[in-house]
Amino acid sequence: MEFIAQYATLLIGLGILAVLLLIGILVYRQLNQRIRGRRGSRLAVSEFYELDQTRRLVLVKRDGVEHLVLIGGPADIVIESGIGARPAPVDMEERRSSASTIPLRPSPRPPVFGENRPALRPVAREEPMLNTPRPYSGED
């Protein structure tokens, strides 16, 4: 009994500290879940390739769509965006209505010169001038 009475304040302080630590851990977990969301992670690094000591080529996946990003160096650059993205589905009603409004053949254009066509003349073709080689005499 003397042992407990002697260290009672120390044991009570350690108990309070343990309870506060447990409460802090629980609060941190709750806040972390709210920030990240309950469905899981939406962002992931699929692959990466080190180009040199400072630059990396990273394939990032967000919401099922991949993006190719070059990081490091003076600036980060998005090289290609929307890899693997599916196009939005088109309603069949919209497709039919848009197909009927587009003409199948373009309308004829008016002539460029009209009645004033330029006079065409044949192009004169000159034969190329070739230099005939000198015969080899054996002296140089």
Protein backbone atom coordinates (compact mmCIF):
# COMPACT_ATOMS: atom_id res chain seq x y z
CA MET A 1 0.00 0.00 0.00
CA GLU A 2 2.83 2.35 0.70
CA PHE A 3 4.12 1.85 -2.87
CA ILE A 4 0.80 2.93 -4.40
CA ALA A 5 0.42 5.92 -2.07
CA GLN A 6 3.95 7.06 -2.75
CA TYR A 7 3.57 7.07 -6.57
CA ALA A 8 -0.17 7.81 -6.81
CA THR A 9 0.24 11.20 -8.50
CA LEU A 10 2.74 9.76 -10.97
CA LEU A 11 0.41 6.86 -11.89
CA ILE A 12 -2.57 9.20 -12.27
CA GLY A 13 -0.51 11.50 -14.53
CA LEU A 14 0.63 8.57 -16.71
CA GLY A 15 -2.98 7.33 -16.97
CA ILE A 16 -4.22 10.77 -18.04
CA LEU A 17 -1.37 11.01 -20.56
CA ALA A 18 -2.24 7.58 -22.03
CA VAL A 19 -5.93 8.55 -22.37
CA LEU A 20 -5.01 11.86 -24.07
CA LEU A 21 -2.67 10.04 -26.45
CA LEU A 22 -5.40 7.53 -27.33
CA ILE A 23 -7.91 10.34 -27.95
CA GLY A 24 -5.36 12.14 -30.17
CA ILE A 25 -4.80 9.01 -32.27
CA LEU A 26 -8.55 8.50 -32.72
CA VAL A 27 -9.09 12.14 -33.73
CA TYR A 28 -6.20 11.94 -36.24
CA ARG A 29 -7.68 8.82 -37.85
CA GLN A 30 -11.10 10.44 -38.17
CA LEU A 31 -9.67 13.59 -39.78
CA ASN A 32 -7.48 11.55 -42.11
CA GLN A 33 -10.47 9.53 -43.35
CA ARG A 34 -12.46 12.69 -44.10
CA ILE A 35 -9.66 14.17 -46.15
CA ARG A 36 -8.93 11.02 -48.15
CA GLY A 37 -12.52 9.95 -48.58
CA ARG A 38 -14.23 6.70 -47.78
CA ARG A 39 -14.05 5.15 -51.25
CA GLY A 40 -10.31 4.76 -51.16
CA SER A 41 -7.52 6.48 -53.00
CA ARG A 42 -8.32 8.20 -56.31
CA LEU A 43 -4.70 8.97 -57.15
CA ALA A 44 -1.93 6.45 -57.83
CA VAL A 45 1.46 6.30 -59.53
CA SER A 46 1.24 3.50 -62.10
CA GLU A 47 4.81 3.55 -63.40
CA PHE A 48 7.87 5.78 -63.47
CA TYR A 49 11.09 5.90 -65.48
CA GLU A 50 14.21 7.82 -64.46
CA LEU A 51 15.53 9.77 -67.44
CA ASP A 52 18.56 11.20 -65.64
CA GLN A 53 19.52 12.32 -62.12
CA THR A 54 16.99 15.14 -61.98
CA ARG A 55 14.10 14.16 -64.26
CA ARG A 56 11.52 11.36 -64.12
CA LEU A 57 8.77 10.33 -66.48
CA VAL A 58 5.76 9.38 -64.32
CA LEU A 59 2.49 7.71 -65.32
CA VAL A 60 -0.15 8.94 -62.85
CA LYS A 61 -3.62 7.38 -62.65
CA ARG A 62 -6.51 9.52 -61.37
CA ASP A 63 -10.14 8.37 -61.45
CA GLY A 64 -9.33 5.64 -63.97
CA VAL A 65 -7.62 8.06 -66.40
CA GLU A 66 -3.84 8.05 -66.84
CA HIS A 67 -1.65 11.14 -67.32
CA LEU A 68 1.99 11.15 -68.44
CA VAL A 69 4.00 13.77 -66.52
CA LEU A 70 7.67 14.80 -66.74
CA ILE A 71 8.86 15.94 -63.30
CA GLY A 72 12.16 17.42 -62.20
CA GLY A 73 14.41 19.91 -63.89
CA PRO A 74 13.35 23.54 -64.27
CA ALA A 75 9.62 22.78 -64.68
CA ASP A 76 7.11 19.94 -64.48
CA ILE A 77 5.35 19.21 -67.77
CA VAL A 78 2.18 17.26 -68.59
CA ILE A 79 3.16 15.36 -71.73
CA GLU A 80 -0.08 13.50 -72.42
CA SER A 81 -3.37 13.76 -70.62
CA GLY A 82 -6.42 11.52 -70.72
CA ILE A 83 -4.75 8.23 -71.62
CA GLY A 84 -7.34 5.48 -71.50
CA ALA A 85 -10.26 7.86 -71.09
CA ARG A 86 -13.45 6.64 -72.67
CA PRO A 87 -15.35 9.09 -74.84
CA ALA A 88 -18.71 10.22 -73.53
CA PRO A 89 -21.53 7.99 -74.79
CA VAL A 90 -23.61 9.58 -77.53
CA ASP A 91 -27.34 9.15 -77.41
CA MET A 92 -28.78 7.49 -80.54
CA GLU A 93 -31.45 10.21 -80.84
CA GLU A 94 -28.76 12.90 -80.98
CA ARG A 95 -26.75 10.91 -83.52
CA ARG A 96 -29.76 10.55 -85.84
CA SER A 97 -30.71 14.23 -85.59
CA SER A 98 -27.14 15.44 -86.23
CA ALA A 99 -26.70 13.06 -89.18
CA SER A 100 -29.77 14.43 -90.95
CA THR A 101 -28.58 18.06 -90.77
CA ILE A 102 -25.12 17.44 -92.26
CA PRO A 103 -25.13 17.54 -96.09
CA LEU A 104 -23.67 14.47 -97.73
CA ARG A 105 -21.88 16.37 -100.52
CA PRO A 106 -20.52 19.92 -100.28
CA SER A 107 -22.18 22.50 -102.49
CA PRO A 108 -20.31 23.38 -105.72
CA ARG A 109 -18.00 26.37 -105.53
CA PRO A 110 -18.02 29.16 -108.11
CA PRO A 111 -15.13 29.12 -110.60
CA VAL A 112 -12.06 30.95 -109.39
CA PHE A 113 -11.42 33.01 -112.54
CA GLY A 114 -14.97 33.12 -113.86
CA GLU A 115 -15.01 33.98 -117.57
CA ASN A 116 -11.58 35.64 -117.46
CA ARG A 117 -9.32 32.62 -117.62
CA PRO A 118 -5.61 33.37 -118.09
CA ALA A 119 -4.04 32.34 -121.37
CA LEU A 120 -1.99 29.21 -120.92
CA ARG A 121 1.18 28.73 -122.92
CA PRO A 122 3.49 25.74 -123.03
CA VAL A 123 6.52 25.86 -120.81
CA ALA A 124 9.81 26.00 -122.68
CA ARG A 125 12.12 23.23 -121.65
CA GLU A 126 15.83 23.70 -122.13
CA GLU A 127 18.22 20.81 -122.25
CA PRO A 128 20.77 20.83 -119.43
CA MET A 129 24.27 21.88 -120.35
CA LEU A 130 26.79 19.15 -119.68
CA ASN A 131 30.52 19.64 -119.56
CA THR A 132 32.35 16.97 -121.48
CA PRO A 133 35.21 15.50 -119.47
CA ARG A 134 38.77 15.96 -120.71
CA PRO A 135 40.58 12.80 -121.70
CA TYR A 136 43.11 11.51 -119.21
CA SER A 137 46.63 12.20 -120.34
CA GLY A 138 48.51 10.64 -117.44
CA GLU A 139 50.42 13.83 -116.61
CA ASP A 140 49.65 15.82 -113.52
